[in-house]
């Protein structure tokens, strides 16, 4: 997995465009650049993967400055279209586009 080096107290650096998803105390997914880069620490067939991807719908549906599109271009250091996580993203609602996978806001 390609998670970044931890900062203070063993936690990754904090940036406004970074999201971290935990299962208990275990970091299972880190998103950078508002979802453009995803780093998973679980297999693509994990039964709870769609649960961990819910943060993307929060980005699209929040009241304050919602995103219009979440575009995933890199997954675990590889181009998103070459990633074994593509099927899980498609099942969650993402669609293929020329650079990767995107989830659009529903109006």
PDB file of N, CA and C in Angstrom:
ATOM      1  N   UNK A   1       0.840  -1.174   0.000  1.00  0.00           N
ATOM      2  CA  UNK A   1       0.000   0.000   0.000  1.00  0.00           C
ATOM      3  C   UNK A   1       0.884   1.235   0.000  1.00  0.00           C
ATOM      4  N   UNK A   2       0.417   2.319  -0.615  1.00  0.00           N
ATOM      5  CA  UNK A   2       1.237   3.510  -0.806  1.00  0.00           C
ATOM      6  C   UNK A   2       0.845   4.657   0.117  1.00  0.00           C
ATOM      7  N   UNK A   3       0.557   4.382   1.360  1.00  0.00           N
ATOM      8  CA  UNK A   3       0.200   5.449   2.292  1.00  0.00           C
ATOM      9  C   UNK A   3       1.433   6.306   2.555  1.00  0.00           C
ATOM     10  N   UNK A   4       1.225   7.589   2.830  1.00  0.00           N
ATOM     11  CA  UNK A   4       2.339   8.490   3.071  1.00  0.00           C
ATOM     12  C   UNK A   4       2.935   8.265   4.453  1.00  0.00           C
ATOM     13  N   UNK A   5       4.146   8.736   4.621  1.00  0.00           N
ATOM     14  CA  UNK A   5       4.832   8.581   5.909  1.00  0.00           C
ATOM     15  C   UNK A   5       4.079   9.328   6.997  1.00  0.00           C
ATOM     16  N   UNK A   6       3.942   8.731   8.169  1.00  0.00           N
ATOM     17  CA  UNK A   6       3.205   9.384   9.241  1.00  0.00           C
ATOM     18  C   UNK A   6       3.909  10.613   9.771  1.00  0.00           C
ATOM     19  N   UNK A   7       3.114  11.542  10.287  1.00  0.00           N
ATOM     20  CA  UNK A   7       3.634  12.760  10.894  1.00  0.00           C
ATOM     21  C   UNK A   7       3.638  12.619  12.395  1.00  0.00           C
ATOM     22  N   UNK A   8       3.259  13.694  13.082  1.00  0.00           N
ATOM     23  CA  UNK A   8       3.219  13.691  14.545  1.00  0.00           C
ATOM     24  C   UNK A   8       2.273  12.617  15.051  1.00  0.00           C
ATOM     25  N   UNK A   9       2.624  11.993  16.133  1.00  0.00           N
ATOM     26  CA  UNK A   9       1.808  10.971  16.805  1.00  0.00           C
ATOM     27  C   UNK A   9       1.484   9.790  15.894  1.00  0.00           C
ATOM     28  N   UNK A  10       2.296   9.557  14.849  1.00  0.00           N
ATOM     29  CA  UNK A  10       2.089   8.421  13.969  1.00  0.00           C
ATOM     30  C   UNK A  10       0.948   8.583  12.979  1.00  0.00           C
ATOM     31  N   UNK A  11       0.385   9.789  12.845  1.00  0.00           N
ATOM     32  CA  UNK A  11      -0.717  10.025  11.927  1.00  0.00           C
ATOM     33  C   UNK A  11      -0.222  10.678  10.644  1.00  0.00           C
ATOM     34  N   UNK A  12      -0.895  10.418   9.507  1.00  0.00           N
ATOM     35  CA  UNK A  12      -0.532  11.092   8.258  1.00  0.00           C
ATOM     36  C   UNK A  12      -0.743  12.601   8.384  1.00  0.00           C
ATOM     37  N   UNK A  13      -0.052  13.383   7.568  1.00  0.00           N
ATOM     38  CA  UNK A  13      -0.201  14.833   7.606  1.00  0.00           C
ATOM     39  C   UNK A  13      -1.640  15.218   7.277  1.00  0.00           C
ATOM     40  N   UNK A  14      -2.077  16.337   7.836  1.00  0.00           N
ATOM     41  CA  UNK A  14      -3.446  16.804   7.623  1.00  0.00           C
ATOM     42  C   UNK A  14      -3.471  17.874   6.547  1.00  0.00           C
ATOM     43  N   UNK A  15      -4.297  17.657   5.546  1.00  0.00           N
ATOM     44  CA  UNK A  15      -4.525  18.618   4.480  1.00  0.00           C
ATOM     45  C   UNK A  15      -6.026  18.686   4.234  1.00  0.00           C
ATOM     46  N   UNK A  16      -6.549  19.846   3.822  1.00  0.00           N
ATOM     47  CA  UNK A  16      -7.994  19.953   3.586  1.00  0.00           C
ATOM     48  C   UNK A  16      -8.517  18.989   2.520  1.00  0.00           C
ATOM     49  N   UNK A  17      -7.680  18.580   1.581  1.00  0.00           N
ATOM     50  CA  UNK A  17      -8.131  17.704   0.493  1.00  0.00           C
ATOM     51  C   UNK A  17      -7.891  16.222   0.789  1.00  0.00           C
ATOM     52  N   UNK A  18      -7.459  15.892   1.996  1.00  0.00           N
ATOM     53  CA  UNK A  18      -7.166  14.509   2.367  1.00  0.00           C
ATOM     54  C   UNK A  18      -8.269  13.977   3.265  1.00  0.00           C
ATOM     55  N   UNK A  19      -8.662  12.738   3.013  1.00  0.00           N
ATOM     56  CA  UNK A  19      -9.651  12.053   3.849  1.00  0.00           C
ATOM     57  C   UNK A  19      -9.063  10.721   4.277  1.00  0.00           C
ATOM     58  N   UNK A  20      -9.333  10.329   5.516  1.00  0.00           N
ATOM     59  CA  UNK A  20      -8.875   9.043   6.021  1.00  0.00           C
ATOM     60  C   UNK A  20     -10.072   8.278   6.539  1.00  0.00           C
ATOM     61  N   UNK A  21     -10.181   7.021   6.154  1.00  0.00           N
ATOM     62  CA  UNK A  21     -11.290   6.176   6.563  1.00  0.00           C
ATOM     63  C   UNK A  21     -10.714   5.057   7.429  1.00  0.00           C
ATOM     64  N   UNK A  22     -11.285   4.921   8.616  1.00  0.00           N
ATOM     65  CA  UNK A  22     -10.814   3.922   9.571  1.00  0.00           C
ATOM     66  C   UNK A  22     -11.889   2.863   9.801  1.00  0.00           C
ATOM     67  N   UNK A  23     -11.442   1.668  10.106  1.00  0.00           N
ATOM     68  CA  UNK A  23     -12.294   0.606  10.628  1.00  0.00           C
ATOM     69  C   UNK A  23     -11.722   0.319  12.007  1.00  0.00           C
ATOM     70  N   UNK A  24     -12.375   0.843  13.026  1.00  0.00           N
ATOM     71  CA  UNK A  24     -11.798   0.800  14.362  1.00  0.00           C
ATOM     72  C   UNK A  24     -10.561   1.685  14.380  1.00  0.00           C
ATOM     73  N   UNK A  25      -9.441   1.125  14.758  1.00  0.00           N
ATOM     74  CA  UNK A  25      -8.179   1.889  14.793  1.00  0.00           C
ATOM     75  C   UNK A  25      -7.353   1.695  13.530  1.00  0.00           C
ATOM     76  N   UNK A  26      -7.825   0.871  12.617  1.00  0.00           N
ATOM     77  CA  UNK A  26      -7.072   0.536  11.410  1.00  0.00           C
ATOM     78  C   UNK A  26      -7.433   1.473  10.254  1.00  0.00           C
ATOM     79  N   UNK A  27      -6.439   2.104   9.674  1.00  0.00           N
ATOM     80  CA  UNK A  27      -6.635   2.950   8.499  1.00  0.00           C
ATOM     81  C   UNK A  27      -6.846   2.036   7.294  1.00  0.00           C
ATOM     82  N   UNK A  28      -8.038   2.089   6.691  1.00  0.00           N
ATOM     83  CA  UNK A  28      -8.348   1.203   5.571  1.00  0.00           C
ATOM     84  C   UNK A  28      -8.317   1.916   4.224  1.00  0.00           C
ATOM     85  N   UNK A  29      -8.464   3.238   4.230  1.00  0.00           N
ATOM     86  CA  UNK A  29      -8.495   3.993   2.989  1.00  0.00           C
ATOM     87  C   UNK A  29      -8.033   5.413   3.240  1.00  0.00           C
ATOM     88  N   UNK A  30      -7.126   5.883   2.409  1.00  0.00           N
ATOM     89  CA  UNK A  30      -6.731   7.284   2.455  1.00  0.00           C
ATOM     90  C   UNK A  30      -6.974   7.874   1.074  1.00  0.00           C
ATOM     91  N   UNK A  31      -7.601   9.024   1.068  1.00  0.00           N
ATOM     92  CA  UNK A  31      -7.908   9.743  -0.155  1.00  0.00           C
ATOM     93  C   UNK A  31      -7.137  11.054  -0.135  1.00  0.00           C
ATOM     94  N   UNK A  32      -6.496  11.361  -1.237  1.00  0.00           N
ATOM     95  CA  UNK A  32      -5.828  12.651  -1.393  1.00  0.00           C
ATOM     96  C   UNK A  32      -6.391  13.340  -2.623  1.00  0.00           C
ATOM     97  N   UNK A  33      -6.198  14.646  -2.678  1.00  0.00           N
ATOM     98  CA  UNK A  33      -6.697  15.472  -3.786  1.00  0.00           C
ATOM     99  C   UNK A  33      -8.189  15.260  -4.014  1.00  0.00           C
ATOM    100  N   UNK A  34      -8.968  15.304  -2.916  1.00  0.00           N
ATOM    101  CA  UNK A  34     -10.433  15.164  -2.988  1.00  0.00           C
ATOM    102  C   UNK A  34     -10.881  13.913  -3.736  1.00  0.00           C
ATOM    103  N   UNK A  35     -10.177  12.829  -3.527  1.00  0.00           N
ATOM    104  CA  UNK A  35     -10.545  11.554  -4.127  1.00  0.00           C
ATOM    105  C   UNK A  35      -9.770  11.196  -5.377  1.00  0.00           C
ATOM    106  N   UNK A  36      -8.917  12.084  -5.847  1.00  0.00           N
ATOM    107  CA  UNK A  36      -8.155  11.815  -7.071  1.00  0.00           C
ATOM    108  C   UNK A  36      -7.143  10.702  -6.902  1.00  0.00           C
ATOM    109  N   UNK A  37      -6.656  10.545  -5.690  1.00  0.00           N
ATOM    110  CA  UNK A  37      -5.694   9.491  -5.369  1.00  0.00           C
ATOM    111  C   UNK A  37      -6.269   8.697  -4.202  1.00  0.00           C
ATOM    112  N   UNK A  38      -6.431   7.391  -4.395  1.00  0.00           N
ATOM    113  CA  UNK A  38      -6.923   6.522  -3.339  1.00  0.00           C
ATOM    114  C   UNK A  38      -5.853   5.498  -2.987  1.00  0.00           C
ATOM    115  N   UNK A  39      -5.660   5.259  -1.699  1.00  0.00           N
ATOM    116  CA  UNK A  39      -4.751   4.231  -1.213  1.00  0.00           C
ATOM    117  C   UNK A  39      -5.530   3.330  -0.272  1.00  0.00           C
ATOM    118  N   UNK A  40      -5.747   2.094  -0.698  1.00  0.00           N
ATOM    119  CA  UNK A  40      -6.472   1.108   0.093  1.00  0.00           C
ATOM    120  C   UNK A  40      -5.491   0.218   0.842  1.00  0.00           C
ATOM    121  N   UNK A  41      -5.858  -0.204   2.035  1.00  0.00           N
ATOM    122  CA  UNK A  41      -5.061  -1.185   2.776  1.00  0.00           C
ATOM    123  C   UNK A  41      -5.880  -2.455   3.001  1.00  0.00           C
ATOM    124  N   UNK A  42      -6.787  -2.739   2.084  1.00  0.00           N
ATOM    125  CA  UNK A  42      -7.613  -3.930   2.145  1.00  0.00           C
ATOM    126  C   UNK A  42      -7.790  -4.454   0.731  1.00  0.00           C
ATOM    127  N   UNK A  43      -8.148  -5.725   0.583  1.00  0.00           N
ATOM    128  CA  UNK A  43      -8.269  -6.289  -0.768  1.00  0.00           C
ATOM    129  C   UNK A  43      -9.483  -5.734  -1.511  1.00  0.00           C
ATOM    130  N   UNK A  44      -9.451  -5.773  -2.849  1.00  0.00           N
ATOM    131  CA  UNK A  44     -10.557  -5.220  -3.640  1.00  0.00           C
ATOM    132  C   UNK A  44     -11.870  -5.977  -3.466  1.00  0.00           C
ATOM    133  N   UNK A  45     -11.822  -7.183  -2.922  1.00  0.00           N
ATOM    134  CA  UNK A  45     -13.054  -7.947  -2.720  1.00  0.00           C
ATOM    135  C   UNK A  45     -13.548  -7.885  -1.273  1.00  0.00           C
ATOM    136  N   UNK A  46     -13.023  -6.962  -0.481  1.00  0.00           N
ATOM    137  CA  UNK A  46     -13.463  -6.815   0.906  1.00  0.00           C
ATOM    138  C   UNK A  46     -14.960  -6.501   0.919  1.00  0.00           C
ATOM    139  N   UNK A  47     -15.751  -7.235   1.703  1.00  0.00           N
ATOM    140  CA  UNK A  47     -17.206  -7.031   1.700  1.00  0.00           C
ATOM    141  C   UNK A  47     -17.651  -5.656   2.209  1.00  0.00           C
ATOM    142  N   UNK A  48     -16.792  -4.931   2.904  1.00  0.00           N
ATOM    143  CA  UNK A  48     -17.165  -3.614   3.438  1.00  0.00           C
ATOM    144  C   UNK A  48     -16.613  -2.459   2.602  1.00  0.00           C
ATOM    145  N   UNK A  49     -16.042  -2.757   1.449  1.00  0.00           N
ATOM    146  CA  UNK A  49     -15.414  -1.718   0.632  1.00  0.00           C
ATOM    147  C   UNK A  49     -16.390  -0.598   0.270  1.00  0.00           C
ATOM    148  N   UNK A  50     -17.614  -0.944  -0.103  1.00  0.00           N
ATOM    149  CA  UNK A  50     -18.578   0.113  -0.467  1.00  0.00           C
ATOM    150  C   UNK A  50     -18.892   1.000   0.736  1.00  0.00           C
ATOM    151  N   UNK A  51     -18.875   0.423   1.925  1.00  0.00           N
ATOM    152  CA  UNK A  51     -19.085   1.208   3.142  1.00  0.00           C
ATOM    153  C   UNK A  51     -17.963   2.230   3.317  1.00  0.00           C
ATOM    154  N   UNK A  52     -16.742   1.846   3.004  1.00  0.00           N
ATOM    155  CA  UNK A  52     -15.599   2.742   3.155  1.00  0.00           C
ATOM    156  C   UNK A  52     -15.574   3.824   2.077  1.00  0.00           C
ATOM    157  N   UNK A  53     -16.213   3.568   0.946  1.00  0.00           N
ATOM    158  CA  UNK A  53     -16.257   4.557  -0.135  1.00  0.00           C
ATOM    159  C   UNK A  53     -17.343   5.618   0.057  1.00  0.00           C
ATOM    160  N   UNK A  54     -18.157   5.490   1.081  1.00  0.00           N
ATOM    161  CA  UNK A  54     -19.262   6.436   1.299  1.00  0.00           C
ATOM    162  C   UNK A  54     -18.804   7.880   1.459  1.00  0.00           C
ATOM    163  N   UNK A  55     -17.570   8.092   1.877  1.00  0.00           N
ATOM    164  CA  UNK A  55     -17.090   9.475   2.042  1.00  0.00           C
ATOM    165  C   UNK A  55     -17.195  10.243   0.730  1.00  0.00           C
ATOM    166  N   UNK A  56     -17.118   9.541  -0.429  1.00  0.00           N
ATOM    167  CA  UNK A  56     -17.197  10.229  -1.720  1.00  0.00           C
ATOM    168  C   UNK A  56     -18.577  10.847  -1.922  1.00  0.00           C
ATOM    169  N   UNK A  57     -19.615  10.160  -1.449  1.00  0.00           N
ATOM    170  CA  UNK A  57     -20.970  10.706  -1.578  1.00  0.00           C
ATOM    171  C   UNK A  57     -21.170  11.877  -0.625  1.00  0.00           C
ATOM    172  N   UNK A  58     -20.453  11.868   0.482  1.00  0.00           N
ATOM    173  CA  UNK A  58     -20.498  13.013   1.398  1.00  0.00           C
ATOM    174  C   UNK A  58     -19.882  14.235   0.718  1.00  0.00           C
ATOM    175  N   UNK A  59     -18.758  14.036   0.005  1.00  0.00           N
ATOM    176  CA  UNK A  59     -18.128  15.147  -0.719  1.00  0.00           C
ATOM    177  C   UNK A  59     -19.091  15.763  -1.727  1.00  0.00           C
ATOM    178  N   UNK A  60     -19.898  14.926  -2.370  1.00  0.00           N
ATOM    179  CA  UNK A  60     -20.834  15.395  -3.392  1.00  0.00           C
ATOM    180  C   UNK A  60     -22.107  15.996  -2.815  1.00  0.00           C
ATOM    181  N   UNK A  61     -22.528  15.527  -1.652  1.00  0.00           N
ATOM    182  CA  UNK A  61     -23.817  15.924  -1.125  1.00  0.00           C
ATOM    183  C   UNK A  61     -23.810  16.893   0.039  1.00  0.00           C
ATOM    184  N   UNK A  62     -22.630  17.277   0.499  1.00  0.00           N
ATOM    185  CA  UNK A  62     -22.597  18.184   1.651  1.00  0.00           C
ATOM    186  C   UNK A  62     -23.180  19.548   1.277  1.00  0.00           C
ATOM    187  N   UNK A  63     -23.681  20.262   2.266  1.00  0.00           N
ATOM    188  CA  UNK A  63     -24.309  21.559   2.013  1.00  0.00           C
ATOM    189  C   UNK A  63     -23.300  22.645   1.674  1.00  0.00           C
ATOM    190  N   UNK A  64     -22.139  22.626   2.312  1.00  0.00           N
ATOM    191  CA  UNK A  64     -21.148  23.678   2.118  1.00  0.00           C
ATOM    192  C   UNK A  64     -20.106  23.231   1.094  1.00  0.00           C
ATOM    193  N   UNK A  65     -20.014  23.941  -0.012  1.00  0.00           N
ATOM    194  CA  UNK A  65     -19.044  23.682  -1.076  1.00  0.00           C
ATOM    195  C   UNK A  65     -18.989  22.220  -1.518  1.00  0.00           C
ATOM    196  N   UNK A  66     -20.118  21.672  -1.969  1.00  0.00           N
ATOM    197  CA  UNK A  66     -20.077  20.289  -2.438  1.00  0.00           C
ATOM    198  C   UNK A  66     -19.263  20.166  -3.729  1.00  0.00           C
ATOM    199  N   UNK A  67     -18.610  19.043  -3.888  1.00  0.00           N
ATOM    200  CA  UNK A  67     -17.907  18.749  -5.136  1.00  0.00           C
ATOM    201  C   UNK A  67     -18.958  18.391  -6.183  1.00  0.00           C
ATOM    202  N   UNK A  68     -18.679  18.647  -7.456  1.00  0.00           N
ATOM    203  CA  UNK A  68     -19.582  18.240  -8.533  1.00  0.00           C
ATOM    204  C   UNK A  68     -19.228  16.844  -9.032  1.00  0.00           C
ATOM    205  N   UNK A  69     -17.936  16.536  -8.982  1.00  0.00           N
ATOM    206  CA  UNK A  69     -17.440  15.242  -9.463  1.00  0.00           C
ATOM    207  C   UNK A  69     -16.290  14.799  -8.568  1.00  0.00           C
ATOM    208  N   UNK A  70     -16.240  13.511  -8.266  1.00  0.00           N
ATOM    209  CA  UNK A  70     -15.058  12.912  -7.638  1.00  0.00           C
ATOM    210  C   UNK A  70     -14.402  12.078  -8.727  1.00  0.00           C
ATOM    211  N   UNK A  71     -13.214  12.482  -9.143  1.00  0.00           N
ATOM    212  CA  UNK A  71     -12.496  11.801 -10.219  1.00  0.00           C
ATOM    213  C   UNK A  71     -11.287  11.086  -9.653  1.00  0.00           C
ATOM    214  N   UNK A  72     -11.286   9.762  -9.739  1.00  0.00           N
ATOM    215  CA  UNK A  72     -10.190   8.933  -9.235  1.00  0.00           C
ATOM    216  C   UNK A  72      -9.263   8.605 -10.391  1.00  0.00           C
ATOM    217  N   UNK A  73      -8.014   9.046 -10.286  1.00  0.00           N
ATOM    218  CA  UNK A  73      -7.037   8.806 -11.351  1.00  0.00           C
ATOM    219  C   UNK A  73      -5.960   7.813 -10.950  1.00  0.00           C
ATOM    220  N   UNK A  74      -5.704   7.682  -9.651  1.00  0.00           N
ATOM    221  CA  UNK A  74      -4.643   6.792  -9.166  1.00  0.00           C
ATOM    222  C   UNK A  74      -5.158   5.980  -7.976  1.00  0.00           C
ATOM    223  N   UNK A  75      -4.883   4.669  -8.003  1.00  0.00           N
ATOM    224  CA  UNK A  75      -5.251   3.796  -6.894  1.00  0.00           C
ATOM    225  C   UNK A  75      -4.023   2.978  -6.504  1.00  0.00           C
ATOM    226  N   UNK A  76      -3.613   3.115  -5.267  1.00  0.00           N
ATOM    227  CA  UNK A  76      -2.429   2.409  -4.746  1.00  0.00           C
ATOM    228  C   UNK A  76      -1.212   2.572  -5.663  1.00  0.00           C
ATOM    229  N   UNK A  77      -1.037   3.785  -6.178  1.00  0.00           N
ATOM    230  CA  UNK A  77       0.141   4.103  -6.978  1.00  0.00           C
ATOM    231  C   UNK A  77       0.049   3.704  -8.442  1.00  0.00           C
ATOM    232  N   UNK A  78      -1.071   3.128  -8.870  1.00  0.00           N
ATOM    233  CA  UNK A  78      -1.242   2.710 -10.267  1.00  0.00           C
ATOM    234  C   UNK A  78      -2.344   3.534 -10.914  1.00  0.00           C
ATOM    235  N   UNK A  79      -2.325   3.648 -12.252  1.00  0.00           N
ATOM    236  CA  UNK A  79      -3.449   4.318 -12.912  1.00  0.00           C
ATOM    237  C   UNK A  79      -4.764   3.623 -12.541  1.00  0.00           C
ATOM    238  N   UNK A  80      -5.783   4.389 -12.257  1.00  0.00           N
ATOM    239  CA  UNK A  80      -7.052   3.846 -11.769  1.00  0.00           C
ATOM    240  C   UNK A  80      -7.661   2.830 -12.726  1.00  0.00           C
ATOM    241  N   UNK A  81      -7.529   3.045 -14.023  1.00  0.00           N
ATOM    242  CA  UNK A  81      -8.125   2.123 -14.988  1.00  0.00           C
ATOM    243  C   UNK A  81      -7.416   0.774 -15.018  1.00  0.00           C
ATOM    244  N   UNK A  82      -6.208   0.686 -14.491  1.00  0.00           N
ATOM    245  CA  UNK A  82      -5.470  -0.578 -14.426  1.00  0.00           C
ATOM    246  C   UNK A  82      -5.647  -1.270 -13.081  1.00  0.00           C
ATOM    247  N   UNK A  83      -6.341  -0.647 -12.167  1.00  0.00           N
ATOM    248  CA  UNK A  83      -6.457  -1.148 -10.808  1.00  0.00           C
ATOM    249  C   UNK A  83      -7.492  -2.266 -10.682  1.00  0.00           C
ATOM    250  N   UNK A  84      -7.212  -3.192  -9.801  1.00  0.00           N
ATOM    251  CA  UNK A  84      -8.138  -4.280  -9.490  1.00  0.00           C
ATOM    252  C   UNK A  84      -9.333  -3.797  -8.663  1.00  0.00           C
ATOM    253  N   UNK A  85      -9.344  -2.542  -8.255  1.00  0.00           N
ATOM    254  CA  UNK A  85     -10.448  -1.972  -7.496  1.00  0.00           C
ATOM    255  C   UNK A  85     -11.538  -1.393  -8.405  1.00  0.00           C
ATOM    256  N   UNK A  86     -11.328  -1.415  -9.714  1.00  0.00           N
ATOM    257  CA  UNK A  86     -12.293  -0.848 -10.661  1.00  0.00           C
ATOM    258  C   UNK A  86     -13.689  -1.443 -10.548  1.00  0.00           C
ATOM    259  N   UNK A  87     -13.766  -2.751 -10.372  1.00  0.00           N
ATOM    260  CA  UNK A  87     -15.073  -3.397 -10.248  1.00  0.00           C
ATOM    261  C   UNK A  87     -15.838  -2.894  -9.034  1.00  0.00           C
ATOM    262  N   UNK A  88     -15.135  -2.733  -7.931  1.00  0.00           N
ATOM    263  CA  UNK A  88     -15.772  -2.241  -6.703  1.00  0.00           C
ATOM    264  C   UNK A  88     -16.236  -0.796  -6.889  1.00  0.00           C
ATOM    265  N   UNK A  89     -15.437   0.017  -7.568  1.00  0.00           N
ATOM    266  CA  UNK A  89     -15.846   1.403  -7.818  1.00  0.00           C
ATOM    267  C   UNK A  89     -17.079   1.447  -8.716  1.00  0.00           C
ATOM    268  N   UNK A  90     -17.101   0.598  -9.753  1.00  0.00           N
ATOM    269  CA  UNK A  90     -18.248   0.545 -10.661  1.00  0.00           C
ATOM    270  C   UNK A  90     -19.510   0.121  -9.894  1.00  0.00           C
ATOM    271  N   UNK A  91     -19.398  -0.895  -9.040  1.00  0.00           N
ATOM    272  CA  UNK A  91     -20.546  -1.344  -8.245  1.00  0.00           C
ATOM    273  C   UNK A  91     -21.049  -0.242  -7.314  1.00  0.00           C
ATOM    274  N   UNK A  92     -20.145   0.598  -6.842  1.00  0.00           N
ATOM    275  CA  UNK A  92     -20.524   1.686  -5.942  1.00  0.00           C
ATOM    276  C   UNK A  92     -21.230   2.819  -6.683  1.00  0.00           C
ATOM    277  N   UNK A  93     -21.034   2.921  -8.003  1.00  0.00           N
ATOM    278  CA  UNK A  93     -21.679   3.975  -8.791  1.00  0.00           C
ATOM    279  C   UNK A  93     -20.738   4.799  -9.637  1.00  0.00           C
ATOM    280  N   UNK A  94     -19.439   4.557  -9.546  1.00  0.00           N
ATOM    281  CA  UNK A  94     -18.477   5.273 -10.376  1.00  0.00           C
ATOM    282  C   UNK A  94     -18.615   4.811 -11.822  1.00  0.00           C
ATOM    283  N   UNK A  95     -18.273   5.701 -12.745  1.00  0.00           N
ATOM    284  CA  UNK A  95     -18.274   5.381 -14.170  1.00  0.00           C
ATOM    285  C   UNK A  95     -16.886   5.635 -14.737  1.00  0.00           C
ATOM    286  N   UNK A  96     -16.525   4.840 -15.739  1.00  0.00           N
ATOM    287  CA  UNK A  96     -15.232   5.024 -16.404  1.00  0.00           C
ATOM    288  C   UNK A  96     -15.221   6.335 -17.164  1.00  0.00           C
ATOM    289  N   UNK A  97     -14.078   6.975 -17.164  1.00  0.00           N
ATOM    290  CA  UNK A  97     -13.847   8.105 -18.059  1.00  0.00           C
ATOM    291  C   UNK A  97     -12.402   7.996 -18.524  1.00  0.00           C
ATOM    292  N   UNK A  98     -11.951   8.844 -19.403  1.00  0.00           N
ATOM    293  CA  UNK A  98     -10.660   8.642 -20.071  1.00  0.00           C
ATOM    294  C   UNK A  98      -9.457   8.570 -19.134  1.00  0.00           C
ATOM    295  N   UNK A  99      -9.512   9.178 -17.943  1.00  0.00           N
ATOM    296  CA  UNK A  99      -8.375   9.152 -17.024  1.00  0.00           C
ATOM    297  C   UNK A  99      -8.563   8.211 -15.841  1.00  0.00           C
ATOM    298  N   UNK A 100      -9.769   7.691 -15.644  1.00  0.00           N
ATOM    299  CA  UNK A 100      -9.994   6.835 -14.486  1.00  0.00           C
ATOM    300  C   UNK A 100     -11.464   6.578 -14.244  1.00  0.00           C
ATOM    301  N   UNK A 101     -11.883   6.796 -12.999  1.00  0.00           N
ATOM    302  CA  UNK A 101     -13.256   6.560 -12.568  1.00  0.00           C
ATOM    303  C   UNK A 101     -13.811   7.845 -11.973  1.00  0.00           C
ATOM    304  N   UNK A 102     -15.092   8.143 -12.257  1.00  0.00           N
ATOM    305  CA  UNK A 102     -15.685   9.347 -11.696  1.00  0.00           C
ATOM    306  C   UNK A 102     -17.081   9.067 -11.152  1.00  0.00           C
ATOM    307  N   UNK A 103     -17.380   9.778 -10.080  1.00  0.00           N
ATOM    308  CA  UNK A 103     -18.706   9.733  -9.461  1.00  0.00           C
ATOM    309  C   UNK A 103     -19.229  11.153  -9.527  1.00  0.00           C
ATOM    310  N   UNK A 104     -20.405  11.323 -10.105  1.00  0.00           N
ATOM    311  CA  UNK A 104     -20.948  12.670 -10.282  1.00  0.00           C
ATOM    312  C   UNK A 104     -22.087  12.932  -9.302  1.00  0.00           C
ATOM    313  N   UNK A 105     -22.268  14.171  -9.029  1.00  0.00           N
ATOM    314  CA  UNK A 105     -23.329  14.623  -8.121  1.00  0.00           C
ATOM    315  C   UNK A 105     -24.670  14.475  -8.812  1.00  0.00           C
ATOM    316  N   UNK A 106     -25.650  13.949  -8.097  1.00  0.00           N
ATOM    317  CA  UNK A 106     -27.012  13.802  -8.626  1.00  0.00           C
ATOM    318  C   UNK A 106     -27.833  14.996  -8.134  1.00  0.00           C
ATOM    319  N   UNK A 107     -28.462  15.692  -9.048  1.00  0.00           N
ATOM    320  CA  UNK A 107     -29.256  16.874  -8.692  1.00  0.00           C
ATOM    321  C   UNK A 107     -30.706  16.511  -8.546  1.00  0.00           C
TER     322      UNK A 107
END
